[in-house]
Amino acid sequence: MTDDLITGLAEVGVVPLVTLNSVEEAVPLARALEAGGVPVAEVTFRSPHAIEGMKRIRDMVPGVTLIAGTVHTPEQAVAAVEAGCTGLVTPAFDEEVVDWALEHGVAILPGTAVPSDVEKAYDRGLRYAKFFPAEAYGGTRTLKALSGPFAEMGFLPTGGVSLNNAADYMSLANVFAVGGSFPVPSQAQKQGDWNAVSEACRKARALLEPVIAAKHAQTGN
């Protein structure tokens, strides 16, 4: 199941982090992402509206791939899956959450920041992980260094990723997509300016599509 999720994320190239200010904005926000060519939403548990928002997106915007972000406990993981999420993302390597996901066949991208985190993921058979906080932990330089000892690992860098550096991250062979809040500008979200959210998504896709195409050309995929 993780491979299927990764394939979908890699095609889009960007994973928007969504922290809901209200339950009511979940559906129009998800529709704005879809309209902007980014039919993915990592709805984080940083908001008390996360679960209800996930349910509404599942029911009303089924074309959007729904992922739960900032998952800290197995209980949150269970609730997210029941709410329609097809994958989980953790901010750090939480063994309880990761092992629950593996036991129940749920796709998971555990948070990793240092080689010991990546080793834990690798030892469990995982070949994909989140790299967070990316900029604070060396950014592209660290990811290049990790590609040696962990050549089979693919990463989703988040934390400090923006339109200014997203292409640099995406150009790396061991990055399958980038994550961040930049496809959902905070001011646009607060004002309910969903057209602006769609436009931000289009800008992200326009920036990353040539990079993704170049990587495909290099690998022959």
C-alpha atoms as a PDB file:
ATOM      1  CA  MET A   1       0.000   0.000   0.000  1.00  0.00           C
ATOM      2  CA  THR A   2       2.892   2.371   0.682  1.00  0.00           C
ATOM      3  CA  ASP A   3       4.186   1.926  -2.888  1.00  0.00           C
ATOM      4  CA  ASP A   4       0.788   2.868  -4.330  1.00  0.00           C
ATOM      5  CA  LEU A   5       0.647   5.992  -2.186  1.00  0.00           C
ATOM      6  CA  ILE A   6       4.217   6.983  -3.062  1.00  0.00           C
ATOM      7  CA  THR A   7       3.539   6.560  -6.778  1.00  0.00           C
ATOM      8  CA  GLY A   8       0.612   8.943  -6.525  1.00  0.00           C
ATOM      9  CA  LEU A   9       2.532  11.496  -4.486  1.00  0.00           C
ATOM     10  CA  ALA A  10       5.517  11.333  -6.832  1.00  0.00           C
ATOM     11  CA  GLU A  11       3.296  12.090  -9.809  1.00  0.00           C
ATOM     12  CA  VAL A  12       2.045  15.268  -8.144  1.00  0.00           C
ATOM     13  CA  GLY A  13       5.403  16.156  -6.585  1.00  0.00           C
ATOM     14  CA  VAL A  14       4.071  18.244  -3.721  1.00  0.00           C
ATOM     15  CA  VAL A  15       2.195  17.369  -0.529  1.00  0.00           C
ATOM     16  CA  PRO A  16       0.337  20.339   0.988  1.00  0.00           C
ATOM     17  CA  LEU A  17       0.256  20.498   4.776  1.00  0.00           C
ATOM     18  CA  VAL A  18      -3.221  21.487   5.884  1.00  0.00           C
ATOM     19  CA  THR A  19      -4.000  22.675   9.409  1.00  0.00           C
ATOM     20  CA  LEU A  20      -7.701  23.412   9.555  1.00  0.00           C
ATOM     21  CA  ASN A  21      -8.921  26.602  11.206  1.00  0.00           C
ATOM     22  CA  SER A  22     -12.465  25.244  11.133  1.00  0.00           C
ATOM     23  CA  VAL A  23     -14.357  22.177  10.003  1.00  0.00           C
ATOM     24  CA  GLU A  24     -16.288  24.278   7.498  1.00  0.00           C
ATOM     25  CA  GLU A  25     -13.209  25.154   5.448  1.00  0.00           C
ATOM     26  CA  ALA A  26     -12.167  21.522   4.898  1.00  0.00           C
ATOM     27  CA  VAL A  27     -14.244  20.888   1.771  1.00  0.00           C
ATOM     28  CA  PRO A  28     -13.648  24.193  -0.088  1.00  0.00           C
ATOM     29  CA  LEU A  29      -9.939  23.980   0.744  1.00  0.00           C
ATOM     30  CA  ALA A  30      -9.710  20.422  -0.587  1.00  0.00           C
ATOM     31  CA  ARG A  31     -11.584  21.449  -3.720  1.00  0.00           C
ATOM     32  CA  ALA A  32      -9.145  24.323  -4.198  1.00  0.00           C
ATOM     33  CA  LEU A  33      -6.205  21.925  -3.990  1.00  0.00           C
ATOM     34  CA  GLU A  34      -7.828  19.660  -6.562  1.00  0.00           C
ATOM     35  CA  ALA A  35      -8.625  22.575  -8.869  1.00  0.00           C
ATOM     36  CA  GLY A  36      -4.987  23.671  -8.660  1.00  0.00           C
ATOM     37  CA  GLY A  37      -3.725  20.291  -9.820  1.00  0.00           C
ATOM     38  CA  VAL A  38      -2.631  19.103  -6.387  1.00  0.00           C
ATOM     39  CA  PRO A  39      -5.240  16.534  -5.311  1.00  0.00           C
ATOM     40  CA  VAL A  40      -3.454  15.718  -2.055  1.00  0.00           C
ATOM     41  CA  ALA A  41      -4.029  16.929   1.499  1.00  0.00           C
ATOM     42  CA  GLU A  42      -1.933  16.087   4.532  1.00  0.00           C
ATOM     43  CA  VAL A  43      -4.384  17.113   7.232  1.00  0.00           C
ATOM     44  CA  THR A  44      -2.432  17.573  10.437  1.00  0.00           C
ATOM     45  CA  PHE A  45      -3.400  16.834  14.005  1.00  0.00           C
ATOM     46  CA  ARG A  46      -2.227  20.326  14.922  1.00  0.00           C
ATOM     47  CA  SER A  47      -5.904  21.280  14.814  1.00  0.00           C
ATOM     48  CA  PRO A  48      -8.845  19.956  16.862  1.00  0.00           C
ATOM     49  CA  HIS A  49     -10.840  19.983  13.618  1.00  0.00           C
ATOM     50  CA  ALA A  50      -8.634  17.370  11.936  1.00  0.00           C
ATOM     51  CA  ILE A  51     -10.807  14.262  12.229  1.00  0.00           C
ATOM     52  CA  GLU A  52     -14.102  15.883  11.284  1.00  0.00           C
ATOM     53  CA  GLY A  53     -12.355  17.694   8.438  1.00  0.00           C
ATOM     54  CA  MET A  54     -10.916  14.425   7.151  1.00  0.00           C
ATOM     55  CA  LYS A  55     -14.369  12.852   7.162  1.00  0.00           C
ATOM     56  CA  ARG A  56     -15.853  15.715   5.191  1.00  0.00           C
ATOM     57  CA  ILE A  57     -13.072  15.607   2.596  1.00  0.00           C
ATOM     58  CA  ARG A  58     -13.480  11.834   2.297  1.00  0.00           C
ATOM     59  CA  ASP A  59     -17.215  12.173   1.706  1.00  0.00           C
ATOM     60  CA  MET A  60     -17.327  15.342  -0.390  1.00  0.00           C
ATOM     61  CA  VAL A  61     -14.010  15.464  -2.298  1.00  0.00           C
ATOM     62  CA  PRO A  62     -13.138  11.808  -2.992  1.00  0.00           C
ATOM     63  CA  GLY A  63     -10.627  12.743  -5.694  1.00  0.00           C
ATOM     64  CA  VAL A  64      -8.226  14.121  -3.089  1.00  0.00           C
ATOM     65  CA  THR A  65      -5.706  11.717  -1.586  1.00  0.00           C
ATOM     66  CA  LEU A  66      -6.121  12.108   2.154  1.00  0.00           C
ATOM     67  CA  ILE A  67      -3.148  11.725   4.497  1.00  0.00           C
ATOM     68  CA  ALA A  68      -2.966  12.298   8.237  1.00  0.00           C
ATOM     69  CA  GLY A  69      -0.065  14.431   9.426  1.00  0.00           C
ATOM     70  CA  THR A  70       1.528  15.058  12.826  1.00  0.00           C
ATOM     71  CA  VAL A  71       0.378  11.640  14.033  1.00  0.00           C
ATOM     72  CA  HIS A  72       1.690  11.102  17.568  1.00  0.00           C
ATOM     73  CA  THR A  73      -0.232   8.067  18.852  1.00  0.00           C
ATOM     74  CA  PRO A  74      -1.748   4.803  17.624  1.00  0.00           C
ATOM     75  CA  GLU A  75      -5.123   6.180  18.719  1.00  0.00           C
ATOM     76  CA  GLN A  76      -4.756   9.084  16.308  1.00  0.00           C
ATOM     77  CA  ALA A  77      -3.681   6.634  13.609  1.00  0.00           C
ATOM     78  CA  VAL A  78      -6.820   4.546  14.118  1.00  0.00           C
ATOM     79  CA  ALA A  79      -9.043   7.625  14.048  1.00  0.00           C
ATOM     80  CA  ALA A  80      -7.373   8.923  10.884  1.00  0.00           C
ATOM     81  CA  VAL A  81      -7.783   5.659   9.000  1.00  0.00           C
ATOM     82  CA  GLU A  82     -11.413   5.434  10.091  1.00  0.00           C
ATOM     83  CA  ALA A  83     -11.870   9.008   8.833  1.00  0.00           C
ATOM     84  CA  GLY A  84     -10.653   8.043   5.373  1.00  0.00           C
ATOM     85  CA  CYS A  85      -6.896   8.588   5.366  1.00  0.00           C
ATOM     86  CA  THR A  86      -4.858   6.303   3.117  1.00  0.00           C
ATOM     87  CA  GLY A  87      -1.567   7.124   4.788  1.00  0.00           C
ATOM     88  CA  LEU A  88       0.055   8.481   7.938  1.00  0.00           C
ATOM     89  CA  VAL A  89       2.926  10.903   8.481  1.00  0.00           C
ATOM     90  CA  THR A  90       4.678  11.318  11.821  1.00  0.00           C
ATOM     91  CA  PRO A  91       6.866  14.271  12.876  1.00  0.00           C
ATOM     92  CA  ALA A  92       9.470  11.959  14.414  1.00  0.00           C
ATOM     93  CA  PHE A  93      10.199   8.247  14.423  1.00  0.00           C
ATOM     94  CA  ASP A  94       7.532   7.001  16.803  1.00  0.00           C
ATOM     95  CA  GLU A  95       8.016   3.253  17.124  1.00  0.00           C
ATOM     96  CA  GLU A  96       4.508   2.655  18.477  1.00  0.00           C
ATOM     97  CA  VAL A  97       2.805   4.404  15.569  1.00  0.00           C
ATOM     98  CA  VAL A  98       5.117   2.913  12.947  1.00  0.00           C
ATOM     99  CA  ASP A  99       4.695  -0.619  14.254  1.00  0.00           C
ATOM    100  CA  TRP A 100       0.913  -0.190  14.438  1.00  0.00           C
ATOM    101  CA  ALA A 101       0.831   0.944  10.815  1.00  0.00           C
ATOM    102  CA  LEU A 102       2.986  -1.959   9.640  1.00  0.00           C
ATOM    103  CA  GLU A 103       0.896  -4.453  11.593  1.00  0.00           C
ATOM    104  CA  HIS A 104      -2.331  -3.122  10.065  1.00  0.00           C
ATOM    105  CA  GLY A 105      -1.064  -2.611   6.519  1.00  0.00           C
ATOM    106  CA  VAL A 106      -1.391   1.159   6.587  1.00  0.00           C
ATOM    107  CA  ALA A 107       1.026   3.258   4.552  1.00  0.00           C
ATOM    108  CA  ILE A 108       3.288   5.376   6.745  1.00  0.00           C
ATOM    109  CA  LEU A 109       6.019   7.946   6.277  1.00  0.00           C
ATOM    110  CA  PRO A 110       7.818   8.186   9.609  1.00  0.00           C
ATOM    111  CA  GLY A 111       9.639  11.375  10.487  1.00  0.00           C
ATOM    112  CA  THR A 112      13.413  11.080  10.252  1.00  0.00           C
ATOM    113  CA  ALA A 113      16.103  13.676  10.840  1.00  0.00           C
ATOM    114  CA  VAL A 114      19.323  11.741  11.497  1.00  0.00           C
ATOM    115  CA  PRO A 115      20.845   8.466  10.248  1.00  0.00           C
ATOM    116  CA  SER A 116      19.697   6.517  13.320  1.00  0.00           C
ATOM    117  CA  ASP A 117      16.082   7.402  12.489  1.00  0.00           C
ATOM    118  CA  VAL A 118      16.537   6.271   8.901  1.00  0.00           C
ATOM    119  CA  GLU A 119      18.125   3.033  10.106  1.00  0.00           C
ATOM    120  CA  LYS A 120      15.073   2.273  12.247  1.00  0.00           C
ATOM    121  CA  ALA A 121      12.820   2.736   9.234  1.00  0.00           C
ATOM    122  CA  TYR A 122      15.090   0.648   7.023  1.00  0.00           C
ATOM    123  CA  ASP A 123      15.293  -2.178   9.560  1.00  0.00           C
ATOM    124  CA  ARG A 124      11.484  -2.393   9.539  1.00  0.00           C
ATOM    125  CA  GLY A 125      11.408  -2.801   5.783  1.00  0.00           C
ATOM    126  CA  LEU A 126      10.346   0.771   5.049  1.00  0.00           C
ATOM    127  CA  ARG A 127      11.933   2.388   2.010  1.00  0.00           C
ATOM    128  CA  TYR A 128      10.245   5.782   2.254  1.00  0.00           C
ATOM    129  CA  ALA A 129      10.284   8.353   5.045  1.00  0.00           C
ATOM    130  CA  LYS A 130       9.682  11.983   5.834  1.00  0.00           C
ATOM    131  CA  PHE A 131      12.790  14.154   6.331  1.00  0.00           C
ATOM    132  CA  PHE A 132      11.933  16.764   8.954  1.00  0.00           C
ATOM    133  CA  PRO A 133      12.741  19.502   9.764  1.00  0.00           C
ATOM    134  CA  ALA A 134      14.551  19.575   6.441  1.00  0.00           C
ATOM    135  CA  GLU A 135      16.192  22.991   6.408  1.00  0.00           C
ATOM    136  CA  ALA A 136      17.133  22.903  10.088  1.00  0.00           C
ATOM    137  CA  TYR A 137      18.882  19.545   9.604  1.00  0.00           C
ATOM    138  CA  GLY A 138      21.046  20.468   6.644  1.00  0.00           C
ATOM    139  CA  GLY A 139      18.580  20.454   3.779  1.00  0.00           C
ATOM    140  CA  THR A 140      19.779  19.124   0.443  1.00  0.00           C
ATOM    141  CA  ARG A 141      23.322  18.584   1.747  1.00  0.00           C
ATOM    142  CA  THR A 142      22.099  16.115   4.356  1.00  0.00           C
ATOM    143  CA  LEU A 143      19.880  14.300   1.867  1.00  0.00           C
ATOM    144  CA  LYS A 144      22.815  13.947  -0.530  1.00  0.00           C
ATOM    145  CA  ALA A 145      24.902  12.510   2.308  1.00  0.00           C
ATOM    146  CA  LEU A 146      22.150  10.046   3.238  1.00  0.00           C
ATOM    147  CA  SER A 147      21.960   8.758  -0.328  1.00  0.00           C
ATOM    148  CA  GLY A 148      25.246   6.898   0.145  1.00  0.00           C
ATOM    149  CA  PRO A 149      24.523   4.589   3.085  1.00  0.00           C
ATOM    150  CA  PHE A 150      20.768   4.573   2.421  1.00  0.00           C
ATOM    151  CA  ALA A 151      20.655   4.326  -1.356  1.00  0.00           C
ATOM    152  CA  GLU A 152      17.285   2.529  -1.335  1.00  0.00           C
ATOM    153  CA  MET A 153      15.518   5.165   0.746  1.00  0.00           C
ATOM    154  CA  GLY A 154      13.258   7.846  -0.708  1.00  0.00           C
ATOM    155  CA  PHE A 155      12.367  10.987   1.234  1.00  0.00           C
ATOM    156  CA  LEU A 156       9.617  13.577   1.588  1.00  0.00           C
ATOM    157  CA  PRO A 157      11.424  16.678   2.885  1.00  0.00           C
ATOM    158  CA  THR A 158       9.296  19.144   4.841  1.00  0.00           C
ATOM    159  CA  GLY A 159      10.114  21.990   7.193  1.00  0.00           C
ATOM    160  CA  GLY A 160      11.455  25.132   5.559  1.00  0.00           C
ATOM    161  CA  VAL A 161      10.574  23.955   2.060  1.00  0.00           C
ATOM    162  CA  SER A 162       9.151  26.733  -0.129  1.00  0.00           C
ATOM    163  CA  LEU A 163       8.872  27.826  -3.747  1.00  0.00           C
ATOM    164  CA  ASN A 164      12.403  29.189  -3.367  1.00  0.00           C
ATOM    165  CA  ASN A 165      14.022  25.809  -2.726  1.00  0.00           C
ATOM    166  CA  ALA A 166      11.446  23.147  -3.657  1.00  0.00           C
ATOM    167  CA  ALA A 167      13.051  22.501  -7.055  1.00  0.00           C
ATOM    168  CA  ASP A 168      16.458  22.001  -5.412  1.00  0.00           C
ATOM    169  CA  TYR A 169      14.990  19.301  -3.189  1.00  0.00           C
ATOM    170  CA  MET A 170      12.958  17.713  -5.971  1.00  0.00           C
ATOM    171  CA  SER A 171      16.033  17.419  -8.199  1.00  0.00           C
ATOM    172  CA  LEU A 172      17.630  14.961  -5.762  1.00  0.00           C
ATOM    173  CA  ALA A 173      17.391  11.302  -6.746  1.00  0.00           C
ATOM    174  CA  ASN A 174      16.300  10.270  -3.247  1.00  0.00           C
ATOM    175  CA  VAL A 175      13.416  12.765  -3.026  1.00  0.00           C
ATOM    176  CA  PHE A 176      10.068  11.567  -4.397  1.00  0.00           C
ATOM    177  CA  ALA A 177       8.045  14.667  -3.419  1.00  0.00           C
ATOM    178  CA  VAL A 178       8.291  17.769  -1.243  1.00  0.00           C
ATOM    179  CA  GLY A 179       5.946  18.809   1.521  1.00  0.00           C
ATOM    180  CA  GLY A 180       5.028  22.114   3.059  1.00  0.00           C
ATOM    181  CA  SER A 181       2.390  24.726   3.700  1.00  0.00           C
ATOM    182  CA  PHE A 182       3.395  26.890   0.738  1.00  0.00           C
ATOM    183  CA  PRO A 183       0.617  25.490  -1.527  1.00  0.00           C
ATOM    184  CA  VAL A 184      -1.859  26.763   1.096  1.00  0.00           C
ATOM    185  CA  PRO A 185      -0.856  30.371   1.879  1.00  0.00           C
ATOM    186  CA  SER A 186      -1.955  31.148   5.419  1.00  0.00           C
ATOM    187  CA  GLN A 187      -3.519  34.497   4.547  1.00  0.00           C
ATOM    188  CA  ALA A 188      -5.520  32.982   1.698  1.00  0.00           C
ATOM    189  CA  GLN A 189      -6.738  30.215   3.998  1.00  0.00           C
ATOM    190  CA  LYS A 190      -7.773  32.671   6.708  1.00  0.00           C
ATOM    191  CA  GLN A 191      -9.680  34.797   4.200  1.00  0.00           C
ATOM    192  CA  GLY A 192     -11.256  31.836   2.446  1.00  0.00           C
ATOM    193  CA  ASP A 193      -9.632  32.908  -0.810  1.00  0.00           C
ATOM    194  CA  TRP A 194      -9.727  29.490  -2.429  1.00  0.00           C
ATOM    195  CA  ASN A 195      -8.785  30.841  -5.850  1.00  0.00           C
ATOM    196  CA  ALA A 196      -5.505  32.010  -4.344  1.00  0.00           C
ATOM    197  CA  VAL A 197      -4.915  28.536  -2.918  1.00  0.00           C
ATOM    198  CA  SER A 198      -5.538  26.995  -6.339  1.00  0.00           C
ATOM    199  CA  GLU A 199      -3.142  29.483  -7.910  1.00  0.00           C
ATOM    200  CA  ALA A 200      -0.438  28.659  -5.340  1.00  0.00           C
ATOM    201  CA  CYS A 201      -0.865  24.985  -6.206  1.00  0.00           C
ATOM    202  CA  ARG A 202      -0.542  25.733  -9.919  1.00  0.00           C
ATOM    203  CA  LYS A 203       2.686  27.638  -9.259  1.00  0.00           C
ATOM    204  CA  ALA A 204       4.073  24.691  -7.297  1.00  0.00           C
ATOM    205  CA  ARG A 205       3.165  22.245 -10.067  1.00  0.00           C
ATOM    206  CA  ALA A 206       4.626  24.513 -12.749  1.00  0.00           C
ATOM    207  CA  LEU A 207       7.859  24.768 -10.791  1.00  0.00           C
ATOM    208  CA  LEU A 208       8.210  21.057 -10.130  1.00  0.00           C
ATOM    209  CA  GLU A 209       6.897  19.426 -13.296  1.00  0.00           C
ATOM    210  CA  PRO A 210      10.044  20.128 -15.376  1.00  0.00           C
ATOM    211  CA  VAL A 211      12.212  18.769 -12.560  1.00  0.00           C
ATOM    212  CA  ILE A 212      10.125  15.607 -12.301  1.00  0.00           C
ATOM    213  CA  ALA A 213      10.220  15.166 -16.088  1.00  0.00           C
ATOM    214  CA  ALA A 214      14.003  15.529 -16.101  1.00  0.00           C
ATOM    215  CA  LYS A 215      14.325  12.877 -13.400  1.00  0.00           C
ATOM    216  CA  HIS A 216      12.115  10.514 -15.390  1.00  0.00           C
ATOM    217  CA  ALA A 217      14.259  11.112 -18.459  1.00  0.00           C
ATOM    218  CA  GLN A 218      17.419  10.291 -16.530  1.00  0.00           C
ATOM    219  CA  THR A 219      16.055   7.059 -15.098  1.00  0.00           C
ATOM    220  CA  GLY A 220      14.083   6.005 -18.161  1.00  0.00           C
ATOM    221  CA  ASN A 221      10.867   5.666 -16.116  1.00  0.00           C
END
